[in-house]
Protein backbone atom coordinates (compact mmCIF):
# COMPACT_ATOMS: atom_id res chain seq x y z
CA MET A 1 0.00 0.00 0.00
CA SER A 2 1.54 3.28 -1.10
CA VAL A 3 1.43 6.23 1.21
CA LYS A 4 0.70 9.58 -0.31
CA PRO A 5 3.17 12.27 0.66
CA SER A 6 1.76 14.87 3.00
CA THR A 7 0.94 18.13 1.28
CA PRO A 8 2.15 21.39 2.82
CA PRO A 9 -0.42 23.59 4.50
CA ALA A 10 -2.31 25.90 2.18
CA ARG A 11 -0.66 28.93 3.72
CA PHE A 12 2.77 28.03 2.29
CA LEU A 13 3.81 29.51 -1.04
CA PRO A 14 4.74 26.98 -3.72
CA PHE A 15 8.07 27.48 -5.51
CA PHE A 16 8.99 30.90 -4.10
CA PRO A 17 12.51 31.35 -5.49
CA ALA A 18 15.56 31.42 -3.27
CA GLY A 19 17.66 34.53 -3.57
CA PHE A 20 20.70 34.79 -5.79
CA PRO A 21 23.84 36.47 -4.41
CA ASP A 22 23.08 40.15 -3.68
CA GLU A 23 19.53 39.95 -5.08
CA THR A 24 16.83 42.33 -3.85
CA ILE A 25 13.52 41.07 -2.47
CA GLY A 26 11.76 42.96 -5.26
CA SER A 27 13.72 40.96 -7.83
CA ARG A 28 12.74 37.67 -6.16
CA VAL A 29 9.08 38.71 -6.18
CA ILE A 30 9.30 39.59 -9.90
CA ARG A 31 10.86 36.21 -10.76
CA TYR A 32 8.06 34.49 -8.84
CA HIS A 33 5.57 36.68 -10.71
CA ILE A 34 7.03 35.58 -14.07
CA ARG A 35 7.12 31.90 -13.11
CA ARG A 36 3.46 32.08 -12.06
CA GLY A 37 2.48 33.28 -15.51
CA CYS A 38 2.23 37.01 -14.73
CA PRO A 39 -1.11 37.21 -12.89
CA THR A 40 -2.71 40.55 -12.19
CA MET A 41 -0.77 42.89 -9.93
CA TYR A 42 -3.53 43.00 -7.28
CA ALA A 43 -3.81 39.21 -7.15
CA MET A 44 -0.04 38.86 -6.92
CA TYR A 45 0.31 41.17 -3.93
CA LYS A 46 -2.67 39.59 -2.16
CA HIS A 47 -1.13 36.18 -2.78
CA LEU A 48 2.29 37.09 -1.35
CA PHE A 49 1.61 39.76 1.26
CA GLY A 50 -2.14 39.88 1.77
CA LYS A 51 -1.93 43.59 0.89
CA SER A 52 -2.84 45.90 -1.94
CA PRO A 53 0.07 46.75 -4.31
CA PHE A 54 2.86 48.83 -2.74
CA SER A 55 6.31 49.83 -3.90
CA LEU A 56 9.18 47.33 -3.57
CA THR A 57 11.88 49.90 -4.33
CA GLY A 58 12.21 50.99 -0.71
CA LEU A 59 15.50 50.77 1.11
CA VAL A 60 14.04 48.24 3.56
CA GLN A 61 10.75 46.94 2.22
CA PRO A 62 7.66 46.83 4.46
CA HIS A 63 5.31 43.88 5.10
CA LEU A 64 8.10 41.28 4.81
CA ASP A 65 6.76 39.64 7.98
CA LYS A 66 3.62 38.73 6.02
CA LEU A 67 5.72 37.04 3.33
CA ALA A 68 7.86 35.30 5.97
CA GLU A 69 4.76 33.64 7.43
CA ARG A 70 3.93 32.16 4.01
CA LEU A 71 7.34 30.47 3.56
CA PRO A 72 8.22 27.01 4.92
CA GLY A 73 10.08 27.00 8.22
CA SER A 74 10.19 29.40 11.15
CA PRO A 75 8.61 32.81 10.41
CA GLN A 76 11.24 34.47 12.59
CA ALA A 77 14.10 32.83 10.74
CA ASN A 78 12.48 33.56 7.38
CA LEU A 79 12.07 37.26 8.18
CA LEU A 80 15.65 37.60 9.38
CA GLU A 81 16.86 35.84 6.22
CA LEU A 82 14.80 38.08 3.95
CA GLN A 83 16.00 41.26 5.64
CA HIS A 84 19.62 40.19 5.89
CA ASP A 85 20.05 38.74 2.38
CA SER A 86 17.53 40.68 0.25
CA THR A 87 17.36 44.23 1.67
CA LEU A 88 19.79 47.02 2.57
CA LEU A 89 19.21 46.55 6.30
CA PRO A 90 22.73 45.08 6.92
CA LEU A 91 24.26 48.27 5.50
CA PHE A 92 22.09 50.43 7.76
CA GLN A 93 23.11 48.30 10.72
CA GLN A 94 26.75 49.22 10.15
CA PHE A 95 25.84 52.82 11.10
CA PHE A 96 22.47 52.63 12.88
CA GLY A 97 22.90 49.34 14.74
CA PRO A 98 21.10 50.08 18.02
CA LYS A 99 18.29 51.76 16.05
CA THR A 100 17.52 48.73 13.85
CA ALA A 101 16.27 45.21 14.42
CA ALA A 102 15.14 45.98 17.98
CA ARG A 103 12.57 43.66 19.55
CA HIS A 104 9.73 45.03 21.61
CA ALA A 105 10.04 43.71 25.14
CA ASP A 106 6.30 43.15 25.56
CA ARG A 107 5.85 41.25 22.30
CA THR A 108 4.72 37.63 22.58
CA PRO A 109 6.77 34.87 20.87
CA GLY A 110 6.19 34.83 17.16
CA THR A 111 7.25 36.92 14.22
CA PRO A 112 9.76 39.54 15.45
CA LEU A 113 8.66 43.12 15.05
CA ILE A 114 11.45 45.16 13.49
CA LYS A 115 11.74 48.79 14.60
CA LEU A 116 13.21 50.85 11.77
CA SER A 117 14.67 54.34 12.07
CA ARG A 118 12.90 57.19 10.30
CA ARG A 119 15.89 57.50 7.95
CA ILE A 120 15.43 53.87 6.83
CA LYS A 121 11.75 54.09 6.00
CA GLY A 122 10.63 55.47 2.69
CA ASP A 123 10.89 54.82 -1.01
CA SER A 124 13.98 55.53 -3.08
CA ARG A 125 11.69 55.86 -6.16
CA LEU A 126 14.57 54.79 -8.42
CA THR A 127 15.93 51.41 -9.46
CA TYR A 128 19.43 51.06 -10.92
CA LEU A 129 20.62 48.36 -13.32
CA CYS A 130 23.95 47.39 -14.86
CA ALA A 131 23.52 46.00 -18.38
CA GLN A 132 26.67 43.86 -18.15
CA CYS A 133 25.53 42.39 -14.82
CA LEU A 134 22.24 41.30 -16.46
CA ILE A 135 24.24 39.36 -19.10
CA ASP A 136 26.61 37.81 -16.55
CA ASP A 137 23.78 36.81 -14.19
CA GLU A 138 21.82 35.08 -16.94
CA ARG A 139 24.96 33.22 -17.98
CA ASP A 140 25.96 32.18 -14.46
CA HIS A 141 22.56 31.69 -12.75
CA GLY A 142 20.07 31.29 -15.58
CA TRP A 143 18.19 34.47 -14.66
CA PRO A 144 19.03 38.18 -14.78
CA TYR A 145 18.19 39.95 -11.54
CA ILE A 146 18.40 43.26 -9.65
CA HIS A 147 21.38 43.72 -7.32
CA ARG A 148 21.19 45.21 -3.84
CA ALA A 149 24.61 46.87 -4.17
CA HIS A 150 23.32 48.90 -7.12
CA GLN A 151 20.45 50.32 -5.00
CA ILE A 152 22.65 51.76 -2.21
CA PRO A 153 21.85 55.49 -1.88
CA GLY A 154 24.56 57.58 -3.51
CA VAL A 155 26.10 54.75 -5.55
CA THR A 156 26.24 55.68 -9.24
CA ALA A 157 28.57 53.01 -10.64
CA CYS A 158 28.74 49.22 -10.81
CA TRP A 159 31.45 48.07 -8.41
CA LYS A 160 32.22 45.05 -10.61
CA HIS A 161 32.29 46.50 -14.14
CA ALA A 162 33.22 50.16 -13.35
CA THR A 163 30.41 51.54 -15.55
CA ARG A 164 27.63 54.03 -14.82
CA LEU A 165 24.39 52.53 -13.57
CA LEU A 166 21.15 53.05 -15.47
CA ASP A 167 17.93 54.28 -13.86
CA CYS A 168 15.92 54.63 -17.07
CA CYS A 169 15.74 53.19 -20.56
CA PRO A 170 18.68 54.43 -22.69
CA SER A 171 16.34 54.64 -25.68
CA CYS A 172 13.17 56.37 -24.47
CA ALA A 173 14.28 57.57 -20.98
CA CYS A 174 11.38 55.75 -19.30
CA PRO A 175 12.26 55.18 -15.59
CA PHE A 176 12.58 51.55 -14.57
CA ALA A 177 10.70 52.13 -11.32
CA GLN A 178 7.02 53.05 -11.45
CA PRO A 179 4.83 53.80 -8.40
CA GLU A 180 3.42 50.57 -6.91
CA GLN A 181 4.44 48.54 -9.98
CA LEU A 182 6.77 45.58 -10.43
CA ILE A 183 9.94 46.34 -12.38
CA LEU A 184 10.01 43.99 -15.40
CA SER A 185 12.54 45.88 -17.54
CA ALA A 186 15.48 43.64 -16.57
CA TRP A 187 13.63 40.56 -17.87
CA MET A 188 11.27 41.77 -20.57
CA GLY A 189 12.93 44.97 -21.75
CA CYS A 190 11.36 48.40 -21.98
CA GLU A 191 7.86 49.13 -23.29
CA CYS A 192 9.51 50.78 -26.30
CA GLY A 193 11.03 47.42 -27.27
CA TYR A 194 14.60 48.20 -26.17
CA ALA A 195 16.40 45.32 -24.42
CA ILE A 196 18.33 46.67 -21.43
CA ALA A 197 21.02 43.99 -21.75
CA ALA A 198 21.75 45.23 -25.30
CA HIS A 199 23.13 48.43 -23.77
CA ALA A 200 26.24 46.51 -22.74
CA HIS A 201 27.20 46.22 -26.41
CA ALA A 202 26.10 49.75 -27.34
CA GLY A 203 28.88 51.39 -25.37
CA GLN A 204 28.24 51.99 -21.69
CA GLN A 205 29.48 55.18 -20.06
CA PRO A 206 32.57 54.52 -17.92
CA ALA A 207 32.49 55.76 -14.34
CA SER A 208 35.14 57.90 -12.71
CA GLY A 209 37.67 56.45 -10.30
CA VAL A 210 36.00 58.04 -7.28
CA GLU A 211 32.59 56.64 -8.26
CA VAL A 212 34.00 53.12 -8.59
CA GLU A 213 35.95 53.30 -5.31
CA PHE A 214 32.89 54.64 -3.49
CA SER A 215 30.65 51.87 -4.91
CA ARG A 216 33.15 49.18 -3.91
CA PHE A 217 33.45 50.65 -0.44
CA ALA A 218 29.64 50.56 0.00
CA GLN A 219 29.37 47.06 -1.49
CA THR A 220 31.96 45.69 0.92
CA LEU A 221 30.11 47.18 3.90
CA LEU A 222 26.84 45.68 2.65
CA ALA A 223 28.35 42.22 2.26
CA ALA A 224 30.13 42.30 5.63
CA GLU A 225 28.55 41.17 8.88
CA PRO A 226 26.79 44.17 10.50
CA ARG A 227 28.84 45.71 13.32
CA ARG A 228 25.85 47.61 14.73
CA LEU A 229 27.90 50.59 15.91
CA SER A 230 26.30 52.99 18.35
CA ILE A 231 26.27 56.74 17.76
CA GLU A 232 28.99 57.35 20.36
CA GLN A 233 31.24 54.72 18.76
CA LEU A 234 30.75 56.18 15.27
CA ILE A 235 31.64 59.66 16.50
CA THR A 236 34.76 58.31 18.21
CA ILE A 237 35.90 56.58 14.99
CA TYR A 238 35.19 59.60 12.77
CA LYS A 239 36.89 62.11 15.07
CA ALA A 240 39.99 60.00 15.63
CA ARG A 241 40.47 59.41 11.89
CA ALA A 242 39.80 63.06 10.96
CA ILE A 243 42.43 64.24 13.43
CA GLU A 244 44.80 61.55 12.18
CA ILE A 245 44.64 62.86 8.58
CA GLY A 246 45.39 66.40 9.75
CA CYS A 247 41.94 67.99 10.17
CA ARG A 248 42.71 69.10 13.71
CA TRP A 249 41.55 72.20 15.56
CA GLY A 250 43.17 72.77 18.93
CA ASP A 251 44.10 69.72 20.98
CA ASP A 252 41.36 67.20 20.30
CA ARG A 253 38.76 68.88 18.12
CA VAL A 254 38.01 68.47 14.42
CA ASN A 255 38.40 71.34 11.96
CA HIS A 256 35.02 70.96 10.24
CA ARG A 257 35.70 73.54 7.55
CA MET A 258 38.96 71.89 6.52
CA LEU A 259 37.44 68.40 6.56
CA PHE A 260 34.41 69.44 4.49
CA GLY A 261 36.67 71.22 1.99
CA LYS A 262 38.74 68.07 1.54
CA ILE A 263 35.64 65.91 1.06
CA GLU A 264 34.24 68.38 -1.47
CA ALA A 265 37.53 68.48 -3.39
CA HIS A 266 37.82 64.69 -3.45
CA PHE A 267 34.32 64.02 -4.78
CA GLY A 268 34.06 67.11 -6.98
CA LYS A 269 31.04 69.39 -7.01
CA GLU A 270 29.26 67.52 -9.80
CA LEU A 271 29.47 64.07 -8.18
CA PHE A 272 28.82 65.56 -4.74
CA SER A 273 25.59 67.13 -6.03
CA THR A 274 24.56 63.82 -7.60
CA ILE A 275 25.09 61.85 -4.40
CA ASP A 276 23.86 64.29 -1.75
CA PRO A 277 20.55 66.18 -2.18
CA ALA A 278 21.38 68.62 0.63
CA TYR A 279 24.59 69.72 -1.11
CA ARG A 280 22.69 70.06 -4.39
CA SER A 281 20.27 72.51 -2.75
CA GLY A 282 23.09 74.46 -1.08
CA LYS A 283 22.40 73.25 2.50
CA THR A 284 25.95 72.58 3.67
CA GLU A 285 26.09 74.49 6.96
CA HIS A 286 25.39 71.44 9.12
CA TRP A 287 26.68 68.79 6.73
CA LEU A 288 29.30 67.50 9.21
CA ASN A 289 26.91 67.26 12.16
CA ILE A 290 27.56 63.51 11.96
CA LEU A 291 30.50 64.36 14.25
CA CYS A 292 28.11 65.66 16.93
CA ALA A 293 26.30 63.33 19.30
CA HIS A 294 23.04 65.30 19.24
CA SER A 295 22.54 64.95 15.47
CA SER A 296 24.48 61.94 14.24
CA VAL A 297 21.48 59.65 14.59
CA GLU A 298 19.53 61.81 12.14
CA ALA A 299 22.21 61.93 9.44
CA PRO A 300 21.18 60.12 6.22
CA LEU A 301 22.99 56.97 5.11
CA THR A 302 24.62 58.72 2.14
CA ARG A 303 26.36 61.16 4.47
CA HIS A 304 27.72 58.39 6.67
CA LEU A 305 28.93 56.50 3.61
CA MET A 306 30.65 59.56 2.12
CA ALA A 307 32.35 60.49 5.39
CA ALA A 308 33.45 56.92 6.16
CA TYR A 309 34.73 56.40 2.60
CA PHE A 310 36.72 59.63 2.53
CA LEU A 311 38.22 59.07 5.98
CA PHE A 312 39.20 55.41 5.47
CA ARG A 313 39.02 54.76 1.67
CA ASP A 314 39.23 51.02 2.39
CA ALA A 315 36.14 49.35 3.85
CA THR A 316 38.30 46.69 5.52
CA ARG A 317 40.14 49.42 7.45
CA PHE A 318 36.85 50.97 8.57
CA LEU A 319 35.55 47.59 9.73
CA GLY A 320 38.84 46.99 11.55
CA HIS A 321 38.40 50.23 13.50
CA ALA A 322 34.80 49.21 14.23
CA ASP A 323 35.92 45.84 15.59
CA ALA A 324 38.62 47.51 17.66
CA ILE A 325 36.21 49.87 19.39
CA LEU A 326 33.63 47.10 19.86
CA HIS A 327 36.23 44.95 21.66
CA ALA A 328 37.82 47.88 23.52
CA LYS A 329 37.51 48.30 27.27
CA PRO A 330 37.55 51.61 29.15
CA GLU A 331 40.98 52.52 30.49
CA LEU A 332 41.22 52.12 34.25
CA GLY A 333 40.54 55.43 35.94
CA ASP A 334 39.12 57.15 32.87
CA PRO A 335 35.48 58.17 32.57
CA PRO A 336 33.41 55.22 31.32
CA HIS A 337 32.03 55.16 27.79
CA ILE A 338 29.15 53.13 26.48
CA PHE A 339 30.35 50.34 24.16
CA VAL A 340 27.62 48.29 22.51
CA ARG A 341 28.70 44.92 21.13
CA GLY A 342 26.56 43.64 18.28
CA PRO A 343 22.95 42.64 18.96
CA THR A 344 23.50 41.73 22.62
CA LEU A 345 21.99 45.04 23.79
CA SER A 346 18.78 46.62 22.59
CA GLU A 347 18.15 50.34 22.36
CA ASP A 348 16.10 50.29 25.56
CA ASN A 349 18.81 48.89 27.84
CA ALA A 350 21.87 50.41 26.10
CA GLU A 351 22.02 53.27 28.57
CA SER A 352 22.30 50.84 31.52
CA ALA A 353 25.09 48.81 29.87
CA VAL A 354 27.80 50.49 31.95
CA GLU A 355 27.03 51.28 35.55
CA LYS A 356 29.06 53.70 37.58
CA GLN A 357 31.59 51.95 39.78
CA PRO A 358 32.01 53.04 43.44
CA GLU A 359 35.59 54.12 42.79
CA GLU A 360 34.47 56.35 39.92
CA GLU A 361 32.05 58.22 42.18
CA LEU A 362 34.76 58.66 44.81
CA LEU A 363 37.25 59.86 42.20
CA LYS A 364 34.82 62.49 40.91
CA GLU A 365 34.05 63.69 44.45
CA LEU A 366 37.73 63.99 45.39
CA VAL A 367 38.63 65.78 42.15
CA ASN A 368 35.79 68.27 42.72
CA LEU A 369 36.99 68.87 46.31
CA ALA A 370 40.55 69.43 45.11
CA GLN A 371 39.39 71.93 42.46
CA ARG A 372 37.10 73.77 44.87
CA ASP A 373 39.71 74.16 47.65
CA ASP A 374 42.80 74.25 45.39
CA TYR A 375 44.29 71.12 46.98
CA ASP A 376 47.04 68.94 45.60
CA LEU A 377 47.35 65.21 46.32
CA PRO A 378 49.18 65.54 49.68
CA GLN A 379 46.58 68.05 50.87
CA LEU A 380 43.79 65.67 49.85
CA TRP A 381 45.39 62.99 52.02
CA ARG A 382 45.65 65.49 54.88
CA HIS A 383 42.11 66.87 54.73
CA HIS A 384 40.17 63.90 53.28
CA TYR A 385 42.05 60.92 54.61
CA THR A 386 39.07 58.57 54.93
CA ALA A 387 37.84 59.11 51.36
CA MET A 388 41.37 58.73 49.94
CA LYS A 389 41.86 55.52 51.87
CA ARG A 390 38.63 54.07 50.48
CA VAL A 391 39.39 54.98 46.88
CA VAL A 392 42.95 53.60 47.05
CA LYS A 393 41.58 50.39 48.44
CA LEU A 394 39.27 50.07 45.45
CA LEU A 395 41.75 51.47 42.90
CA PRO A 396 45.47 51.21 43.76
CA ASN A 397 46.55 53.87 41.22
CA ALA A 398 43.87 56.35 42.28
CA GLY A 399 46.49 58.96 43.17
CA ASP A 400 47.88 58.98 39.63
CA VAL A 401 44.37 59.18 38.19
CA ILE A 402 43.47 62.17 40.41
CA GLU A 403 46.69 64.00 39.54
CA ARG A 404 46.11 63.38 35.83
CA ARG A 405 42.57 64.68 35.97
CA LEU A 406 43.61 67.71 37.99
CA ALA A 407 46.34 68.47 35.43
CA ILE A 408 43.83 68.19 32.58
CA ALA A 409 41.36 70.45 34.42
CA ALA A 410 44.09 73.01 35.14
CA ALA A 411 45.20 73.01 31.50
CA ASN A 412 41.61 73.49 30.36
CA LYS A 413 41.10 76.31 32.84
CA LYS A 414 44.26 78.03 31.66
CA ARG A 415 43.28 77.60 28.01
CA ASN A 416 39.77 78.90 28.66
CA ALA A 417 41.14 81.91 30.52
CA ALA A 418 43.50 82.72 27.65
CA ARG A 419 40.65 82.34 25.17
CA ALA A 420 38.40 84.60 27.27
CA LEU A 421 41.15 87.24 27.52
CA LYS A 422 41.68 87.12 23.78
CA THR A 423 37.92 87.44 23.21
CA ARG A 424 37.65 90.45 25.54
CA GLU A 425 40.52 92.22 23.77
CA ARG A 426 39.00 91.54 20.37
CA ASN A 427 35.60 92.80 21.55
CA ARG A 428 37.20 95.95 22.96
CA LEU A 429 38.75 96.81 19.60
CA GLN A 430 35.61 95.93 17.67
CA ASP A 431 33.42 97.89 20.08
CA ALA A 432 35.22 101.14 19.34
CA GLN A 433 35.06 100.51 15.60
CA TRP A 434 31.40 99.50 15.74
CA SER A 435 30.34 102.56 17.75
CA GLU A 436 32.03 104.90 15.24
CA SER A 437 30.31 103.07 12.40
CA ILE A 438 26.93 103.49 14.13
CA LYS A 439 27.55 107.22 14.50
CA ALA A 440 28.44 107.46 10.81
CA SER A 441 25.28 105.58 9.83
CA SER A 442 23.28 107.99 12.01
CA VAL A 443 24.65 110.99 10.11
CA THR A 444 23.80 109.32 6.81
CA LEU A 445 20.24 108.33 7.78
CA TYR A 446 19.30 111.69 9.33
CA GLY A 447 20.79 113.51 6.32
CA GLU A 448 18.78 111.69 3.65
CA ASN A 449 16.72 114.24 1.72
CA ALA A 450 13.62 112.07 1.49
CA LYS A 451 10.36 111.56 3.33
CA PRO A 452 11.45 110.94 6.95
CA VAL A 453 11.20 107.42 8.31
CA ARG A 454 11.68 106.77 12.01
CA ILE A 455 15.33 105.92 12.74
CA THR A 456 15.26 102.94 15.12
CA ARG A 457 18.19 101.06 16.63
CA ASN A 458 17.64 98.29 14.14
CA LYS A 459 17.92 100.71 11.21
CA LEU A 460 21.11 102.17 12.66
CA LEU A 461 22.70 98.74 13.06
CA THR A 462 21.55 97.59 9.63
CA ALA A 463 23.01 100.67 7.96
CA SER A 464 26.29 100.34 9.87
CA ILE A 465 29.15 99.46 7.53
CA PHE A 466 31.08 97.60 10.21
CA GLN A 467 29.56 94.77 12.21
CA PRO A 468 31.44 92.08 14.21
CA LYS A 469 31.14 88.62 12.72
CA GLY A 470 28.50 86.52 14.45
CA THR A 471 27.06 89.48 16.41
CA GLY A 472 23.84 91.04 15.18
CA TRP A 473 22.98 93.18 18.23
CA PRO A 474 25.35 94.92 20.66
CA LYS A 475 25.05 93.74 24.25
CA GLU A 476 26.73 94.74 27.45
CA PRO A 477 29.33 94.17 28.77
CA ALA A 478 30.93 92.99 25.52
CA PHE A 479 30.08 96.12 23.46
CA PRO A 480 29.26 99.00 25.87
CA LEU A 481 30.26 101.81 23.49
CA SER A 482 28.10 100.40 20.68
CA VAL A 483 25.12 100.06 23.02
CA VAL A 484 25.47 103.70 24.11
CA ALA A 485 25.88 104.91 20.51
CA SER A 486 22.82 102.99 19.24
CA LYS A 487 20.63 104.26 22.08
CA ALA A 488 21.89 107.85 21.77
CA HIS A 489 21.17 108.09 18.05
CA GLU A 490 17.84 106.29 17.84
CA GLU A 491 14.86 108.56 17.24
CA GLY A 492 12.08 109.19 19.71
CA ILE A 493 8.45 109.16 18.55
CA TRP A 494 7.91 112.94 18.96
CA HIS A 495 11.11 113.82 17.09
CA PHE A 496 9.94 111.62 14.23
CA TYR A 497 6.48 113.26 14.26
CA ALA A 498 8.13 116.69 14.03
CA ARG A 499 10.30 115.70 11.06
CA ARG A 500 7.46 113.96 9.22
CA LEU A 501 4.96 116.82 9.71
CA LEU A 502 7.44 119.52 8.66
CA TRP A 503 8.32 117.52 5.54
CA THR A 504 4.61 117.15 4.69
CA LEU A 505 4.02 120.88 5.12
CA GLN A 506 7.02 121.67 2.90
CA CYS A 507 5.75 119.39 0.12
CA LEU A 508 2.24 120.92 -0.06
CA HIS A 509 1.21 122.56 -3.32
CA ASP A 510 -1.65 124.57 -1.83
CA PRO A 511 -1.02 126.67 1.31
CA GLU A 512 -4.76 126.52 2.08
CA THR A 513 -4.80 122.73 2.35
CA PRO A 514 -7.15 121.81 5.23
CA ALA A 515 -5.69 120.33 8.40
CA HIS A 516 -7.39 116.95 8.08
CA LYS A 517 -5.94 116.51 4.59
CA ILE A 518 -2.44 117.34 5.86
CA ILE A 519 -2.81 114.69 8.60
CA ILE A 520 -3.88 112.12 6.02
CA LEU A 521 -0.89 112.96 3.82
CA SER A 522 1.50 112.71 6.77
CA ARG A 523 0.13 109.25 7.74
CA LEU A 524 0.49 110.11 11.45
CA GLU A 525 -1.79 109.35 14.39
CA VAL A 526 -4.59 111.93 14.35
CA ASN A 527 -4.49 113.31 17.91
CA LYS A 528 -0.72 113.66 18.10
CA ALA A 529 -0.61 115.13 14.59
CA ARG A 530 -3.10 117.87 15.62
CA VAL A 531 -0.92 118.78 18.60
CA MET A 532 2.13 118.97 16.34
CA MET A 533 0.26 121.18 13.83
CA ASP A 534 -0.66 123.59 16.64
CA TYR A 535 2.97 123.62 17.76
CA PHE A 536 4.22 124.43 14.22
CA SER A 537 1.31 126.78 13.39
CA ASP A 538 3.77 129.58 12.54
CA PHE A 539 5.55 127.47 9.94
CA VAL A 540 5.06 128.67 6.34
CA PRO A 541 4.04 125.64 4.22
CA CYS A 542 5.04 124.83 0.61
CA GLY A 543 8.41 125.50 -0.92
CA GLY A 544 9.58 121.91 -1.45
CA GLY A 545 10.98 119.35 0.94
CA SER A 546 14.39 120.07 2.44
CA ILE A 547 15.80 117.96 5.29
CA GLN A 548 18.44 120.60 6.02
CA ILE A 549 15.79 123.26 6.67
CA ILE A 550 13.94 120.82 8.94
CA LYS A 551 17.13 120.11 10.90
CA SER A 552 17.78 123.85 11.36
CA ILE A 553 14.19 124.45 12.57
CA LEU A 554 14.48 121.62 15.10
CA LYS A 555 17.83 122.95 16.28
CA GLU A 556 16.43 126.47 16.74
CA ARG A 557 13.62 125.15 18.89
CA GLY A 558 15.89 122.85 20.88
CA ILE A 559 14.17 119.66 19.73
CA GLY A 560 16.48 116.67 20.21
CA LYS A 561 16.11 113.00 19.29
CA ASP A 562 14.70 112.24 22.77
CA TRP A 563 12.17 115.13 22.75
CA HIS A 564 9.08 114.41 24.87
CA GLY A 565 6.73 116.52 22.75
CA PRO A 566 4.97 119.88 23.17
CA CYS A 567 2.71 118.58 25.96
CA PRO A 568 4.50 115.81 27.89
CA GLU A 569 1.89 115.88 30.66
CA ARG A 570 -0.95 114.90 28.32
CA GLU A 571 -1.92 111.23 27.89
CA PHE A 572 -3.06 110.11 24.46
CA TYR A 573 -5.31 107.20 23.65
CA LYS A 574 -3.28 104.32 22.33
CA ALA A 575 -4.04 102.81 18.97
CA GLY A 576 -4.01 99.19 17.89
CA ARG A 577 -4.24 96.43 20.49
CA ALA A 578 -3.53 98.89 23.32
CA TYR A 579 -6.64 100.96 22.48
CA LEU A 580 -9.07 101.50 25.36
CA LEU A 581 -12.75 102.47 24.95
CA ARG A 582 -13.82 106.08 25.51
CA THR A 583 -17.58 105.46 25.38
CA THR A 584 -19.94 102.86 26.78
CA ARG A 585 -21.27 101.91 23.37
CA ARG A 586 -19.25 98.65 23.14
CA GLY A 587 -18.36 98.11 26.79
CA PRO A 588 -17.13 99.85 29.95
CA ILE A 589 -15.04 103.00 29.55
CA GLY A 590 -11.35 102.21 29.72
CA GLY A 591 -11.99 98.57 28.88
CA ARG A 592 -11.98 96.60 25.67
CA ALA A 593 -14.84 96.02 23.25
CA GLY A 594 -17.00 93.12 24.37
CA ASP A 595 -16.13 93.36 28.08
CA ALA A 596 -19.68 94.42 29.03
CA GLN A 597 -21.47 91.90 31.22
CA PRO A 598 -24.82 90.49 29.93
CA GLY A 599 -27.78 92.37 31.37
CA ALA A 600 -25.64 95.28 32.61
């Protein structure tokens, strides 16, 4: 009696193809689509993912957990295999390790839920092909397919054949990738009838040396086992290498301007613009924030790749530095750093990986006491014997550690004091120059023979020819002379009203122009303008505007820039949001409209 072989459960997919070396998950789905006889797109996606059609050109494709549940074997193992072998997740994990592939602690056993960084989500919207690779793959594997290494952001050349990658048909310029559509160009050619593989014989465009080196660097990192470096470890590697190649500023800081200039010169502006969208749009001010802990996590993958490639050139060297820092241990007596080794720590418990040791707390306390009271090591033993005895018992070389830290703190204090002294001297020289420039701008603004505009401090500073770099507004005590000059030459409201009204009267064509028309022409507040007209009632209108005549009239009457007006004791109703009611028509007098109580 023959026994029929057991059939797999209906949920398993029949004949889903295994991945070729460096093949994308989208390419595997397309080959399955072709082998199934090219069903409708909607039916295909429902069959594989249980979802409506979505784009498979993303950097790390979504809904792979649904596909993993349809494959034979463990869903967890299937998902990890799909992400590791058919997506760009391993490359992201070289730079964003603790941010990727993190399990949720409260998740029940089953398909692992992958937490992806915001920089990893999204759709690249482009698919790149190498015509020669399509020929070689069909010869070696029986099928052409789409390579992961060609889809790395910023890569423009094939690392194997040193030719430019294609993102559209060479004949009709139709993009390979279409929104929520499978990419069939590598297998069936373009809709215009052009076979993409034929481009290999039509003369492909060779890539530059930098493009090829950069693509090989990225391909090696993609193929290597993910190091899962933390942000602190990446910054340590970048800074150490940048200082090593000469981009140093001070003792242990990186000269960002020099480093960015070298990167720009190495890639060239044209290639740099092709790789990095921020550079193409002129946003380069914070390009090297990957060297700062507060922003490195948000840097895009292309920026990490460009910086790592320029600093190390060889991917093996970069991985060697990564392994060294992953295996490194904090030096005894030095402040502890957080070192995350591979996937052993998740993002949630990374901060508790290194706990403060008792000796470290004692060392910090003793160093603070020595700095506060200006003690050396013998004085610490004399005045804090018990604490010193405890720390030496825990750490035999504690005395050397304390002396080293005190020396570093003293050197920093001396350097900061010298920097502060240099800054004060520079500000003193610039303050004198800035105040003179403000005075000169005041003469220019008040001498303009045009309709008077109120001269505020902002206008004085804007018109000033000299202005210290990085300082938009003078503040005490850094720039006391400039503060005094800007306040002394700014124009009070009544001085401005006098200049504006006199100019309006000078520019009249009819001496009999009524008062209300003059106020309208002057564009001044009505009540104050009437007071000013009474004050200048003896002024003869018409004759043409002359700022020099106005200045002489104001000088004769003793009207300065801080004049309080002809009737300083009088209070005027304020306009705008400060206006208060003068009648009870809309509310109580002195209040705002709408403040009246119902039924009052």
